[in-house]
Protein backbone atom coordinates (compact mmCIF):
# COMPACT_ATOMS: atom_id res chain seq x y z
CA UNK A 1 0.00 0.00 0.00
CA UNK A 2 2.78 2.43 0.88
CA UNK A 3 4.58 1.87 -2.44
CA UNK A 4 1.44 2.83 -4.35
CA UNK A 5 1.11 6.09 -2.42
CA UNK A 6 4.77 6.98 -2.98
CA UNK A 7 4.56 6.19 -6.69
CA UNK A 8 1.41 8.30 -7.11
CA UNK A 9 2.99 11.21 -5.25
CA UNK A 10 6.16 11.17 -7.33
CA UNK A 11 4.19 10.91 -10.59
CA UNK A 12 1.93 13.80 -9.55
CA UNK A 13 4.89 16.03 -8.70
CA UNK A 14 6.72 15.11 -11.91
CA UNK A 15 3.63 15.69 -14.10
CA UNK A 16 3.12 19.20 -12.71
CA UNK A 17 6.78 20.07 -13.16
CA UNK A 18 6.95 18.84 -16.76
CA UNK A 19 3.96 21.01 -17.73
CA UNK A 20 5.54 24.16 -16.35
CA UNK A 21 9.15 23.61 -17.48
CA UNK A 22 9.51 22.70 -21.12
CA UNK A 23 12.87 24.29 -21.96
CA UNK A 24 14.88 23.09 -18.95
CA UNK A 25 16.53 19.86 -17.86
CA UNK A 26 15.17 17.91 -14.90
CA UNK A 27 17.24 17.47 -11.74
CA UNK A 28 15.96 14.31 -10.07
CA UNK A 29 16.87 13.32 -6.50
CA UNK A 30 16.68 9.93 -4.82
CA UNK A 31 17.31 9.63 -1.11
CA UNK A 32 17.75 6.30 0.62
CA UNK A 33 18.27 5.76 4.31
CA UNK A 34 22.06 5.85 3.91
CA UNK A 35 22.85 7.56 0.58
CA UNK A 36 21.70 10.27 -1.79
CA UNK A 37 21.72 10.17 -5.59
CA UNK A 38 21.06 12.91 -8.14
CA UNK A 39 20.77 13.10 -11.92
CA UNK A 40 20.26 15.79 -14.51
CA UNK A 41 17.99 14.32 -17.17
CA UNK A 42 17.06 15.47 -20.67
CA UNK A 43 13.39 14.47 -20.98
CA UNK A 44 13.19 15.24 -24.70
CA UNK A 45 15.82 12.63 -25.56
CA UNK A 46 15.30 10.41 -22.47
CA UNK A 47 18.97 10.56 -21.52
CA UNK A 48 20.83 11.11 -18.30
CA UNK A 49 23.34 13.91 -18.83
CA UNK A 50 25.04 14.07 -15.43
CA UNK A 51 24.85 11.97 -12.29
CA UNK A 52 26.37 12.10 -8.83
CA UNK A 53 26.05 9.87 -5.79
CA UNK A 54 27.33 9.56 -2.27
CA UNK A 55 28.67 6.03 -2.73
CA UNK A 56 32.19 7.16 -3.59
CA UNK A 57 32.59 9.51 -0.62
CA UNK A 58 30.75 7.30 1.84
CA UNK A 59 33.82 6.10 3.69
CA UNK A 60 35.07 9.65 4.28
CA UNK A 61 31.86 11.32 5.44
CA UNK A 62 29.75 9.95 8.28
CA UNK A 63 27.13 12.71 8.55
CA UNK A 64 24.22 12.45 6.08
CA UNK A 65 23.86 16.23 5.81
CA UNK A 66 27.52 16.63 4.89
CA UNK A 67 27.09 13.81 2.40
CA UNK A 68 24.26 15.66 0.63
CA UNK A 69 26.34 18.86 0.54
CA UNK A 70 29.22 16.94 -1.01
CA UNK A 71 27.01 15.35 -3.70
CA UNK A 72 25.44 18.72 -4.51
CA UNK A 73 28.82 20.38 -5.02
CA UNK A 74 29.98 17.51 -7.25
CA UNK A 75 26.82 17.72 -9.35
CA UNK A 76 27.03 21.51 -9.65
CA UNK A 77 30.66 21.35 -10.83
CA UNK A 78 29.83 18.74 -13.45
CA UNK A 79 26.81 20.74 -14.64
CA UNK A 80 28.74 23.98 -14.95
CA UNK A 81 31.46 22.17 -16.89
CA UNK A 82 28.79 21.11 -19.42
CA UNK A 83 27.35 24.66 -19.38
CA UNK A 84 24.06 23.66 -17.75
CA UNK A 85 22.78 26.40 -15.47
CA UNK A 86 18.98 26.24 -15.65
CA UNK A 87 17.23 23.12 -14.38
CA UNK A 88 14.03 22.32 -12.56
CA UNK A 89 14.14 20.50 -9.26
CA UNK A 90 12.23 17.22 -9.15
CA UNK A 91 12.08 16.26 -5.50
CA UNK A 92 10.05 13.15 -6.29
CA UNK A 93 8.14 11.75 -3.35
CA UNK A 94 10.19 13.57 -0.72
CA UNK A 95 9.22 16.68 1.20
CA UNK A 96 11.31 19.79 0.67
CA UNK A 97 12.82 19.35 4.11
CA UNK A 98 16.01 18.14 5.75
CA UNK A 99 18.60 16.60 3.42
CA UNK A 100 16.62 17.49 0.29
CA UNK A 101 16.47 21.16 1.29
CA UNK A 102 20.17 21.24 2.16
CA UNK A 103 20.92 19.62 -1.21
CA UNK A 104 18.87 22.24 -3.10
CA UNK A 105 20.36 25.18 -1.19
CA UNK A 106 23.88 23.96 -1.90
CA UNK A 107 23.11 23.66 -5.61
CA UNK A 108 21.82 27.26 -5.64
CA UNK A 109 24.94 28.49 -3.87
CA UNK A 110 27.13 26.75 -6.46
CA UNK A 111 25.46 28.36 -9.46
CA UNK A 112 22.49 26.32 -10.62
CA UNK A 113 19.25 28.22 -11.19
CA UNK A 114 15.88 26.67 -10.37
């Protein structure tokens, strides 16, 4: 039952975002209990342009908030190298709170516009 609710919520959020943002790439976030993953996706061509995850830096960083800051800075550097500045933030089924909010704020500080 819970999976159905989460899937409906993420589809509802994504549908509303795709209607409003036609000319931008989608920044999708997945948060597990231990890690955080992010991708910049081109929906027109159905391709992932850039991705970043906390799996590589997991041994160095113990705090989950610091882990999300680290992933956000990695993703922002990769995006700016490919000259991507405007994206729209797809939070999926997660509330804009906690690690997701810290992730988004760090991306804004590093130069991405959404």
